[in-house]
Amino acid sequence: MVLYQLRLKGFKVKNKFRIESLNRLKNSINIRTLSKDKRICVSLLKQIDKFKPKNILLYIPMDMEVNVLPIINELRKKNNINVYVPFMVGESFRPVKFRLPLRRGKFNIKEPKNSFLKVNIDMAIVPVVGIDGIDKRIGFGKGMYDRYYASLNHKPYTIFTQRVLCKTTEILSDDYDIQADDIITN
């Protein structure tokens, strides 16, 4: 009974941090958003050039997330890098090759058509709502990235992106929450 109460308290703290972070991210959208995103994209491209991944997972951004579409467009011009984005399937996703046209899918998120290719991702650029004290991801609370990572045989090099750093020193994550190898923010 005591363990359950502690866990419930932990959930409430994590959820409160998530809500506060979401509000902070929504309120950070302003006239300087474009320049912030551009600086973050420059840093991301430096990391990509450094690690030279063959298969990279990015994301189709929502308004409060770093706009990585310029990176996707630049990487698609290169012959040595395959760009993948999430395609929602059930309670998780599968990486599908980025291609146009994009359609609104589950959770009203844009995505390309489904494909059934199996791919090993070398690097993943992952949007976050918040980051806890051990650099684990606090997301929107659906567990999509956690389930995807749990299905992998190997962990790709993972970079979290966030327009405004929303980080706590507290450990709010669960064992299954994904952890960053690097964090790039403004």
N, C-alpha and C. Protein backbone atom coordinates (compact mmCIF):
# COMPACT_ATOMS: atom_id res chain seq x y z
N MET A 1 0.83 -1.20 0.00
CA MET A 1 0.00 0.00 0.00
C MET A 1 0.87 1.26 0.00
N VAL A 2 1.93 1.29 0.79
CA VAL A 2 2.81 2.45 0.83
C VAL A 2 3.47 2.66 -0.52
N LEU A 3 3.94 1.58 -1.16
CA LEU A 3 4.58 1.66 -2.47
C LEU A 3 3.63 2.26 -3.49
N TYR A 4 2.37 1.86 -3.48
CA TYR A 4 1.38 2.38 -4.40
C TYR A 4 1.19 3.88 -4.20
N GLN A 5 1.12 4.33 -2.96
CA GLN A 5 0.94 5.76 -2.69
C GLN A 5 2.14 6.56 -3.17
N LEU A 6 3.36 6.04 -2.99
CA LEU A 6 4.54 6.72 -3.48
C LEU A 6 4.53 6.80 -5.00
N ARG A 7 4.12 5.73 -5.64
CA ARG A 7 4.08 5.71 -7.10
C ARG A 7 3.04 6.70 -7.62
N LEU A 8 1.90 6.76 -6.97
CA LEU A 8 0.85 7.70 -7.35
C LEU A 8 1.35 9.13 -7.20
N LYS A 9 2.06 9.40 -6.12
CA LYS A 9 2.63 10.72 -5.90
C LYS A 9 3.62 11.04 -7.03
N GLY A 10 4.46 10.06 -7.40
CA GLY A 10 5.42 10.25 -8.48
C GLY A 10 4.73 10.56 -9.80
N PHE A 11 3.62 9.88 -10.08
CA PHE A 11 2.86 10.13 -11.31
C PHE A 11 2.33 11.55 -11.31
N LYS A 12 1.81 11.98 -10.17
CA LYS A 12 1.25 13.33 -10.09
C LYS A 12 2.33 14.38 -10.30
N VAL A 13 3.50 14.17 -9.76
CA VAL A 13 4.61 15.11 -9.93
C VAL A 13 5.04 15.13 -11.39
N LYS A 14 5.17 13.97 -12.00
CA LYS A 14 5.55 13.88 -13.41
C LYS A 14 4.52 14.58 -14.29
N ASN A 15 3.24 14.33 -14.01
CA ASN A 15 2.18 14.94 -14.81
C ASN A 15 2.15 16.46 -14.62
N LYS A 16 2.38 16.91 -13.41
CA LYS A 16 2.42 18.36 -13.14
C LYS A 16 3.58 19.00 -13.91
N PHE A 17 4.74 18.35 -13.89
CA PHE A 17 5.89 18.85 -14.63
C PHE A 17 5.59 18.88 -16.13
N ARG A 18 4.93 17.84 -16.64
CA ARG A 18 4.55 17.78 -18.05
C ARG A 18 3.65 18.97 -18.41
N ILE A 19 2.64 19.22 -17.61
CA ILE A 19 1.70 20.32 -17.88
C ILE A 19 2.41 21.67 -17.84
N GLU A 20 3.26 21.89 -16.83
CA GLU A 20 4.01 23.14 -16.74
C GLU A 20 4.94 23.31 -17.94
N SER A 21 5.59 22.24 -18.35
CA SER A 21 6.50 22.30 -19.51
C SER A 21 5.73 22.59 -20.79
N LEU A 22 4.59 21.95 -20.97
CA LEU A 22 3.77 22.20 -22.16
C LEU A 22 3.34 23.67 -22.22
N ASN A 23 2.93 24.21 -21.10
CA ASN A 23 2.54 25.62 -21.05
C ASN A 23 3.72 26.52 -21.40
N ARG A 24 4.87 26.20 -20.86
CA ARG A 24 6.07 27.00 -21.14
C ARG A 24 6.42 26.93 -22.63
N LEU A 25 6.33 25.74 -23.22
CA LEU A 25 6.63 25.58 -24.64
C LEU A 25 5.62 26.34 -25.52
N LYS A 26 4.34 26.24 -25.17
CA LYS A 26 3.31 26.96 -25.93
C LYS A 26 3.53 28.47 -25.86
N ASN A 27 3.90 28.95 -24.68
CA ASN A 27 4.12 30.38 -24.50
C ASN A 27 5.43 30.87 -25.10
N SER A 28 6.30 29.96 -25.50
CA SER A 28 7.60 30.36 -26.06
C SER A 28 7.52 30.63 -27.56
N ILE A 29 6.37 30.33 -28.16
CA ILE A 29 6.21 30.57 -29.60
C ILE A 29 6.03 32.08 -29.79
N ASN A 30 7.03 32.69 -30.42
CA ASN A 30 6.99 34.13 -30.64
C ASN A 30 7.79 34.50 -31.88
N ILE A 31 8.09 35.75 -31.99
CA ILE A 31 8.79 36.26 -33.17
C ILE A 31 10.20 35.68 -33.32
N ARG A 32 10.81 35.25 -32.22
CA ARG A 32 12.18 34.71 -32.28
C ARG A 32 12.21 33.19 -32.50
N THR A 33 11.07 32.57 -32.65
CA THR A 33 11.00 31.12 -32.82
C THR A 33 11.81 30.65 -34.02
N LEU A 34 11.70 31.34 -35.13
CA LEU A 34 12.41 30.95 -36.34
C LEU A 34 13.92 30.95 -36.13
N SER A 35 14.43 31.99 -35.49
CA SER A 35 15.88 32.06 -35.27
C SER A 35 16.34 31.02 -34.25
N LYS A 36 15.53 30.73 -33.24
CA LYS A 36 15.86 29.68 -32.27
C LYS A 36 15.94 28.33 -32.97
N ASP A 37 14.94 28.04 -33.78
CA ASP A 37 14.91 26.77 -34.49
C ASP A 37 16.10 26.64 -35.43
N LYS A 38 16.45 27.73 -36.10
CA LYS A 38 17.58 27.70 -37.03
C LYS A 38 18.88 27.37 -36.29
N ARG A 39 19.11 27.98 -35.12
CA ARG A 39 20.32 27.69 -34.33
C ARG A 39 20.35 26.24 -33.88
N ILE A 40 19.21 25.72 -33.46
CA ILE A 40 19.14 24.33 -33.02
C ILE A 40 19.41 23.40 -34.21
N CYS A 41 18.86 23.72 -35.37
CA CYS A 41 19.08 22.90 -36.57
C CYS A 41 20.55 22.89 -36.98
N VAL A 42 21.23 24.03 -36.85
CA VAL A 42 22.66 24.08 -37.16
C VAL A 42 23.41 23.13 -36.23
N SER A 43 23.08 23.15 -34.95
CA SER A 43 23.73 22.24 -33.98
C SER A 43 23.43 20.78 -34.30
N LEU A 44 22.19 20.50 -34.68
CA LEU A 44 21.82 19.13 -35.03
C LEU A 44 22.59 18.65 -36.26
N LEU A 45 22.70 19.51 -37.25
CA LEU A 45 23.45 19.12 -38.46
C LEU A 45 24.92 18.85 -38.15
N LYS A 46 25.50 19.59 -37.21
CA LYS A 46 26.88 19.33 -36.79
C LYS A 46 27.00 17.93 -36.17
N GLN A 47 26.03 17.56 -35.35
CA GLN A 47 26.03 16.23 -34.74
C GLN A 47 25.84 15.14 -35.80
N ILE A 48 24.98 15.39 -36.75
CA ILE A 48 24.75 14.43 -37.83
C ILE A 48 26.03 14.25 -38.65
N ASP A 49 26.70 15.36 -38.97
CA ASP A 49 27.97 15.28 -39.72
C ASP A 49 29.03 14.55 -38.91
N LYS A 50 29.02 14.74 -37.60
CA LYS A 50 30.01 14.08 -36.73
C LYS A 50 29.80 12.57 -36.68
N PHE A 51 28.56 12.13 -36.52
CA PHE A 51 28.28 10.70 -36.33
C PHE A 51 28.00 9.95 -37.63
N LYS A 52 27.69 10.65 -38.68
CA LYS A 52 27.47 10.05 -40.01
C LYS A 52 26.52 8.85 -39.99
N PRO A 53 25.29 9.04 -39.50
CA PRO A 53 24.34 7.93 -39.50
C PRO A 53 23.90 7.59 -40.92
N LYS A 54 23.59 6.34 -41.14
CA LYS A 54 23.06 5.89 -42.43
C LYS A 54 21.54 6.05 -42.44
N ASN A 55 20.92 5.69 -41.31
CA ASN A 55 19.46 5.77 -41.17
C ASN A 55 19.14 6.64 -39.96
N ILE A 56 18.43 7.73 -40.22
CA ILE A 56 18.14 8.68 -39.14
C ILE A 56 16.64 8.86 -38.99
N LEU A 57 16.19 8.87 -37.75
CA LEU A 57 14.78 9.10 -37.43
C LEU A 57 14.63 10.54 -36.98
N LEU A 58 13.78 11.29 -37.67
CA LEU A 58 13.42 12.64 -37.26
C LEU A 58 11.93 12.64 -36.97
N TYR A 59 11.28 13.77 -36.99
CA TYR A 59 9.85 13.85 -36.70
C TYR A 59 9.25 14.99 -37.50
N ILE A 60 7.96 14.92 -37.73
CA ILE A 60 7.23 16.01 -38.35
C ILE A 60 6.79 16.91 -37.19
N PRO A 61 7.29 18.15 -37.13
CA PRO A 61 7.07 18.97 -35.94
C PRO A 61 5.65 19.52 -35.78
N MET A 62 5.25 19.61 -34.52
CA MET A 62 4.05 20.34 -34.15
C MET A 62 4.51 21.76 -33.81
N ASP A 63 3.56 22.66 -33.61
CA ASP A 63 3.89 24.08 -33.40
C ASP A 63 4.90 24.33 -32.28
N MET A 64 4.79 23.60 -31.18
CA MET A 64 5.66 23.87 -30.03
C MET A 64 6.99 23.12 -30.08
N GLU A 65 7.19 22.32 -31.13
CA GLU A 65 8.42 21.56 -31.28
C GLU A 65 9.37 22.26 -32.25
N VAL A 66 10.65 21.97 -32.10
CA VAL A 66 11.65 22.53 -33.00
C VAL A 66 11.31 22.10 -34.42
N ASN A 67 11.31 23.06 -35.34
CA ASN A 67 11.02 22.76 -36.74
C ASN A 67 12.26 22.15 -37.39
N VAL A 68 12.24 20.83 -37.56
CA VAL A 68 13.37 20.12 -38.17
C VAL A 68 13.16 19.84 -39.66
N LEU A 69 12.12 20.41 -40.25
CA LEU A 69 11.86 20.19 -41.67
C LEU A 69 13.02 20.66 -42.55
N PRO A 70 13.71 21.78 -42.23
CA PRO A 70 14.88 22.13 -43.05
C PRO A 70 15.96 21.05 -43.02
N ILE A 71 16.13 20.38 -41.89
CA ILE A 71 17.11 19.28 -41.80
C ILE A 71 16.65 18.12 -42.68
N ILE A 72 15.38 17.78 -42.59
CA ILE A 72 14.85 16.69 -43.41
C ILE A 72 15.09 16.98 -44.88
N ASN A 73 14.77 18.20 -45.29
CA ASN A 73 14.95 18.57 -46.71
C ASN A 73 16.41 18.51 -47.13
N GLU A 74 17.31 18.96 -46.27
CA GLU A 74 18.74 18.92 -46.61
C GLU A 74 19.26 17.49 -46.66
N LEU A 75 18.88 16.66 -45.70
CA LEU A 75 19.37 15.28 -45.67
C LEU A 75 18.83 14.44 -46.82
N ARG A 76 17.63 14.75 -47.27
CA ARG A 76 17.04 13.99 -48.38
C ARG A 76 17.82 14.19 -49.68
N LYS A 77 18.57 15.28 -49.78
CA LYS A 77 19.39 15.55 -50.97
C LYS A 77 20.66 14.71 -50.99
N LYS A 78 21.02 14.16 -49.84
CA LYS A 78 22.25 13.37 -49.74
C LYS A 78 21.94 11.91 -50.06
N ASN A 79 22.84 11.29 -50.78
CA ASN A 79 22.63 9.89 -51.16
C ASN A 79 22.98 8.90 -50.06
N ASN A 80 23.76 9.34 -49.08
CA ASN A 80 24.27 8.40 -48.09
C ASN A 80 23.46 8.38 -46.79
N ILE A 81 22.34 9.11 -46.71
CA ILE A 81 21.52 9.13 -45.50
C ILE A 81 20.06 8.88 -45.88
N ASN A 82 19.44 7.96 -45.16
CA ASN A 82 18.01 7.69 -45.32
C ASN A 82 17.27 8.37 -44.17
N VAL A 83 16.24 9.14 -44.50
CA VAL A 83 15.48 9.89 -43.50
C VAL A 83 14.15 9.18 -43.25
N TYR A 84 13.89 8.91 -41.97
CA TYR A 84 12.66 8.25 -41.55
C TYR A 84 11.94 9.13 -40.54
N VAL A 85 10.62 8.98 -40.51
CA VAL A 85 9.79 9.69 -39.54
C VAL A 85 8.79 8.68 -38.97
N PRO A 86 8.21 8.98 -37.80
CA PRO A 86 7.24 8.05 -37.21
C PRO A 86 5.95 7.95 -38.02
N PHE A 87 5.45 6.73 -38.12
CA PHE A 87 4.12 6.44 -38.65
C PHE A 87 3.38 5.71 -37.54
N MET A 88 2.33 6.32 -37.02
CA MET A 88 1.63 5.78 -35.86
C MET A 88 0.93 4.46 -36.20
N VAL A 89 1.20 3.46 -35.36
CA VAL A 89 0.60 2.14 -35.51
C VAL A 89 0.20 1.67 -34.12
N GLY A 90 -1.09 1.56 -33.87
CA GLY A 90 -1.55 1.14 -32.55
C GLY A 90 -1.09 2.11 -31.48
N GLU A 91 -0.42 1.58 -30.47
CA GLU A 91 0.06 2.42 -29.37
C GLU A 91 1.54 2.79 -29.53
N SER A 92 2.10 2.55 -30.70
CA SER A 92 3.50 2.88 -30.95
C SER A 92 3.61 3.43 -32.36
N PHE A 93 4.79 3.35 -32.93
CA PHE A 93 4.98 3.77 -34.31
C PHE A 93 6.05 2.90 -34.95
N ARG A 94 6.12 3.01 -36.25
CA ARG A 94 7.21 2.39 -37.00
C ARG A 94 7.84 3.49 -37.83
N PRO A 95 9.15 3.43 -38.01
CA PRO A 95 9.78 4.43 -38.86
C PRO A 95 9.47 4.14 -40.33
N VAL A 96 9.03 5.18 -41.04
CA VAL A 96 8.79 5.06 -42.48
C VAL A 96 9.61 6.13 -43.18
N LYS A 97 10.01 5.83 -44.38
CA LYS A 97 10.82 6.76 -45.16
C LYS A 97 10.01 8.04 -45.38
N PHE A 98 10.66 9.18 -45.15
CA PHE A 98 9.99 10.46 -45.38
C PHE A 98 9.77 10.63 -46.87
N ARG A 99 8.51 10.88 -47.23
CA ARG A 99 8.17 11.18 -48.61
C ARG A 99 6.85 11.94 -48.62
N LEU A 100 6.67 12.70 -49.66
CA LEU A 100 5.45 13.49 -49.81
C LEU A 100 4.44 12.70 -50.63
N PRO A 101 3.18 12.93 -50.48
CA PRO A 101 2.54 13.93 -49.64
C PRO A 101 2.40 13.45 -48.20
N LEU A 102 2.25 14.39 -47.30
CA LEU A 102 1.99 14.08 -45.90
C LEU A 102 0.49 14.21 -45.66
N ARG A 103 -0.03 13.35 -44.79
CA ARG A 103 -1.44 13.40 -44.42
C ARG A 103 -1.55 13.45 -42.91
N ARG A 104 -2.64 13.99 -42.44
CA ARG A 104 -2.89 13.99 -40.99
C ARG A 104 -3.31 12.59 -40.57
N GLY A 105 -2.58 12.06 -39.59
CA GLY A 105 -2.87 10.72 -39.09
C GLY A 105 -3.36 10.78 -37.66
N LYS A 106 -3.03 9.75 -36.93
CA LYS A 106 -3.41 9.63 -35.54
C LYS A 106 -2.90 10.84 -34.75
N PHE A 107 -3.67 11.34 -33.83
CA PHE A 107 -3.34 12.50 -33.00
C PHE A 107 -3.17 13.77 -33.85
N ASN A 108 -3.71 13.75 -35.07
CA ASN A 108 -3.66 14.90 -35.97
C ASN A 108 -2.23 15.28 -36.35
N ILE A 109 -1.33 14.32 -36.31
CA ILE A 109 0.07 14.53 -36.66
C ILE A 109 0.27 14.17 -38.12
N LYS A 110 0.98 15.01 -38.84
CA LYS A 110 1.25 14.73 -40.26
C LYS A 110 2.23 13.56 -40.38
N GLU A 111 1.99 12.72 -41.39
CA GLU A 111 2.86 11.58 -41.64
C GLU A 111 2.75 11.15 -43.09
N PRO A 112 3.82 10.51 -43.61
CA PRO A 112 3.74 9.97 -44.98
C PRO A 112 2.93 8.68 -44.97
N LYS A 113 2.77 8.09 -46.15
CA LYS A 113 2.08 6.81 -46.24
C LYS A 113 2.91 5.74 -45.54
N ASN A 114 2.22 4.71 -45.09
CA ASN A 114 2.87 3.59 -44.42
C ASN A 114 3.75 2.82 -45.41
N SER A 115 4.80 2.25 -44.88
CA SER A 115 5.61 1.31 -45.64
C SER A 115 5.94 0.17 -44.70
N PHE A 116 6.33 -0.95 -45.26
CA PHE A 116 6.53 -2.13 -44.43
C PHE A 116 7.99 -2.54 -44.39
N LEU A 117 8.87 -1.58 -44.65
CA LEU A 117 10.30 -1.85 -44.57
C LEU A 117 10.74 -1.95 -43.12
N LYS A 118 11.61 -2.87 -42.85
CA LYS A 118 12.24 -2.95 -41.53
C LYS A 118 13.57 -2.22 -41.65
N VAL A 119 13.87 -1.37 -40.67
CA VAL A 119 15.09 -0.57 -40.76
C VAL A 119 15.72 -0.46 -39.38
N ASN A 120 17.05 -0.46 -39.35
CA ASN A 120 17.78 -0.21 -38.11
C ASN A 120 18.17 1.26 -38.09
N ILE A 121 17.65 1.97 -37.13
CA ILE A 121 17.92 3.40 -37.00
C ILE A 121 19.26 3.57 -36.28
N ASP A 122 20.14 4.40 -36.85
CA ASP A 122 21.44 4.68 -36.25
C ASP A 122 21.39 5.87 -35.30
N MET A 123 20.55 6.86 -35.66
CA MET A 123 20.43 8.07 -34.87
C MET A 123 18.96 8.48 -34.85
N ALA A 124 18.50 8.95 -33.68
CA ALA A 124 17.13 9.42 -33.54
C ALA A 124 17.14 10.82 -32.95
N ILE A 125 16.44 11.72 -33.60
CA ILE A 125 16.26 13.07 -33.08
C ILE A 125 14.83 13.12 -32.58
N VAL A 126 14.69 13.31 -31.27
CA VAL A 126 13.41 13.12 -30.60
C VAL A 126 12.96 14.41 -29.91
N PRO A 127 11.73 14.87 -30.19
CA PRO A 127 11.22 16.05 -29.48
C PRO A 127 10.82 15.66 -28.06
N VAL A 128 11.00 16.59 -27.13
CA VAL A 128 10.63 16.32 -25.75
C VAL A 128 9.77 17.45 -25.20
N VAL A 129 8.93 17.11 -24.24
CA VAL A 129 8.16 18.10 -23.49
C VAL A 129 9.03 18.57 -22.33
N GLY A 130 9.71 17.64 -21.69
CA GLY A 130 10.59 17.96 -20.58
C GLY A 130 11.65 16.89 -20.41
N ILE A 131 12.61 17.19 -19.56
CA ILE A 131 13.72 16.27 -19.29
C ILE A 131 13.89 16.21 -17.78
N ASP A 132 14.04 14.99 -17.26
CA ASP A 132 14.19 14.87 -15.81
C ASP A 132 15.67 14.92 -15.41
N GLY A 133 15.94 14.69 -14.15
CA GLY A 133 17.27 14.83 -13.59
C GLY A 133 18.32 13.86 -14.11
N ILE A 134 17.90 12.78 -14.77
CA ILE A 134 18.87 11.84 -15.35
C ILE A 134 18.75 11.81 -16.88
N ASP A 135 18.32 12.91 -17.44
CA ASP A 135 18.21 13.10 -18.89
C ASP A 135 17.27 12.12 -19.57
N LYS A 136 16.22 11.75 -18.87
CA LYS A 136 15.20 10.89 -19.48
C LYS A 136 14.05 11.76 -19.97
N ARG A 137 13.40 11.28 -21.01
CA ARG A 137 12.36 12.03 -21.71
C ARG A 137 11.04 12.04 -20.96
N ILE A 138 10.48 13.23 -20.86
CA ILE A 138 9.09 13.39 -20.46
C ILE A 138 8.39 13.84 -21.73
N GLY A 139 7.50 13.00 -22.24
CA GLY A 139 6.81 13.31 -23.49
C GLY A 139 5.38 13.73 -23.23
N PHE A 140 4.54 13.48 -24.21
CA PHE A 140 3.14 13.87 -24.11
C PHE A 140 2.33 12.91 -23.25
N GLY A 141 2.91 11.79 -22.86
CA GLY A 141 2.23 10.86 -21.97
C GLY A 141 1.59 9.67 -22.66
N LYS A 142 1.80 9.52 -23.95
CA LYS A 142 1.22 8.39 -24.69
C LYS A 142 2.17 7.19 -24.74
N GLY A 143 3.46 7.42 -24.54
CA GLY A 143 4.43 6.32 -24.51
C GLY A 143 4.86 5.80 -25.87
N MET A 144 4.61 6.56 -26.92
CA MET A 144 4.94 6.09 -28.28
C MET A 144 6.43 5.80 -28.45
N TYR A 145 7.27 6.77 -28.10
CA TYR A 145 8.71 6.56 -28.25
C TYR A 145 9.21 5.48 -27.31
N ASP A 146 8.68 5.40 -26.10
CA ASP A 146 9.09 4.35 -25.15
C ASP A 146 8.80 2.96 -25.71
N ARG A 147 7.62 2.78 -26.28
CA ARG A 147 7.26 1.48 -26.85
C ARG A 147 8.13 1.17 -28.07
N TYR A 148 8.38 2.17 -28.89
CA TYR A 148 9.24 1.95 -30.06
C TYR A 148 10.63 1.51 -29.62
N TYR A 149 11.23 2.23 -28.67
CA TYR A 149 12.58 1.89 -28.20
C TYR A 149 12.61 0.51 -27.56
N ALA A 150 11.53 0.14 -26.86
CA ALA A 150 11.48 -1.19 -26.23
C ALA A 150 11.48 -2.30 -27.27
N SER A 151 11.04 -1.99 -28.49
CA SER A 151 10.99 -3.01 -29.55
C SER A 151 12.31 -3.17 -30.28
N LEU A 152 13.28 -2.32 -30.01
CA LEU A 152 14.55 -2.34 -30.74
C LEU A 152 15.55 -3.32 -30.14
N ASN A 153 16.38 -3.89 -31.01
CA ASN A 153 17.47 -4.75 -30.55
C ASN A 153 18.68 -3.94 -30.11
N HIS A 154 18.79 -2.73 -30.61
CA HIS A 154 19.90 -1.85 -30.24
C HIS A 154 19.34 -0.44 -30.05
N LYS A 155 20.02 0.36 -29.26
CA LYS A 155 19.58 1.72 -29.01
C LYS A 155 20.32 2.67 -29.95
N PRO A 156 19.58 3.44 -30.76
CA PRO A 156 20.27 4.41 -31.61
C PRO A 156 20.82 5.56 -30.78
N TYR A 157 21.79 6.27 -31.33
CA TYR A 157 22.28 7.48 -30.69
C TYR A 157 21.10 8.45 -30.66
N THR A 158 20.74 8.93 -29.48
CA THR A 158 19.51 9.68 -29.30
C THR A 158 19.79 11.12 -28.88
N ILE A 159 19.23 12.05 -29.66
CA ILE A 159 19.37 13.47 -29.36
C ILE A 159 17.97 14.03 -29.09
N PHE A 160 17.80 14.62 -27.91
CA PHE A 160 16.55 15.29 -27.59
C PHE A 160 16.63 16.73 -28.08
N THR A 161 15.51 17.23 -28.61
CA THR A 161 15.44 18.63 -29.01
C THR A 161 14.30 19.31 -28.27
N GLN A 162 14.55 20.57 -27.98
CA GLN A 162 13.54 21.36 -27.30
C GLN A 162 13.87 22.82 -27.54
N ARG A 163 12.87 23.60 -27.91
CA ARG A 163 13.08 25.02 -28.20
C ARG A 163 13.48 25.80 -26.95
N VAL A 164 12.85 25.48 -25.84
CA VAL A 164 13.15 26.10 -24.55
C VAL A 164 13.41 24.96 -23.57
N LEU A 165 14.52 25.00 -22.86
CA LEU A 165 14.84 23.92 -21.95
C LEU A 165 13.85 23.85 -20.80
N CYS A 166 13.18 22.72 -20.69
CA CYS A 166 12.27 22.43 -19.58
C CYS A 166 12.85 21.21 -18.88
N LYS A 167 13.65 21.46 -17.87
CA LYS A 167 14.36 20.38 -17.19
C LYS A 167 14.21 20.54 -15.69
N THR A 168 14.10 19.41 -15.01
CA THR A 168 14.04 19.40 -13.57
C THR A 168 15.21 18.58 -13.04
N THR A 169 15.61 18.85 -11.81
CA THR A 169 16.67 18.05 -11.19
C THR A 169 16.10 16.77 -10.58
N GLU A 170 14.79 16.72 -10.43
CA GLU A 170 14.14 15.55 -9.86
C GLU A 170 14.15 14.39 -10.87
N ILE A 171 14.13 13.18 -10.35
CA ILE A 171 14.01 11.99 -11.19
C ILE A 171 12.52 11.64 -11.25
N LEU A 172 11.92 11.90 -12.42
CA LEU A 172 10.49 11.68 -12.61
C LEU A 172 10.20 10.51 -13.52
N SER A 173 11.22 10.01 -14.18
CA SER A 173 11.03 9.00 -15.21
C SER A 173 10.83 7.61 -14.62
N ASP A 174 10.30 6.77 -15.48
CA ASP A 174 10.17 5.35 -15.18
C ASP A 174 11.31 4.62 -15.86
N ASP A 175 11.51 3.35 -15.52
CA ASP A 175 12.59 2.56 -16.12
C ASP A 175 12.51 2.52 -17.65
N TYR A 176 11.30 2.50 -18.18
CA TYR A 176 11.11 2.36 -19.62
C TYR A 176 11.26 3.68 -20.39
N ASP A 177 11.32 4.82 -19.71
CA ASP A 177 11.47 6.10 -20.40
C ASP A 177 12.83 6.17 -21.07
N ILE A 178 12.86 6.73 -22.29
CA ILE A 178 14.12 6.77 -23.04
C ILE A 178 15.03 7.87 -22.53
N GLN A 179 16.31 7.64 -22.69
CA GLN A 179 17.35 8.55 -22.17
C GLN A 179 18.14 9.13 -23.32
N ALA A 180 18.53 10.40 -23.15
CA ALA A 180 19.28 11.10 -24.18
C ALA A 180 20.77 10.79 -24.13
N ASP A 181 21.38 10.72 -25.31
CA ASP A 181 22.84 10.75 -25.40
C ASP A 181 23.30 12.19 -25.49
N ASP A 182 22.43 13.05 -26.01
CA ASP A 182 22.73 14.46 -26.17
C ASP A 182 21.41 15.23 -26.13
N ILE A 183 21.49 16.48 -25.69
CA ILE A 183 20.33 17.36 -25.64
C ILE A 183 20.70 18.65 -26.34
N ILE A 184 19.90 19.05 -27.32
CA ILE A 184 20.16 20.29 -28.03
C ILE A 184 18.94 21.19 -27.87
N THR A 185 19.18 22.33 -27.27
CA THR A 185 18.12 23.29 -27.00
C THR A 185 18.69 24.68 -27.16
N ASN A 186 17.87 25.67 -26.90
CA ASN A 186 18.30 27.05 -27.06
C ASN A 186 18.83 27.62 -25.76
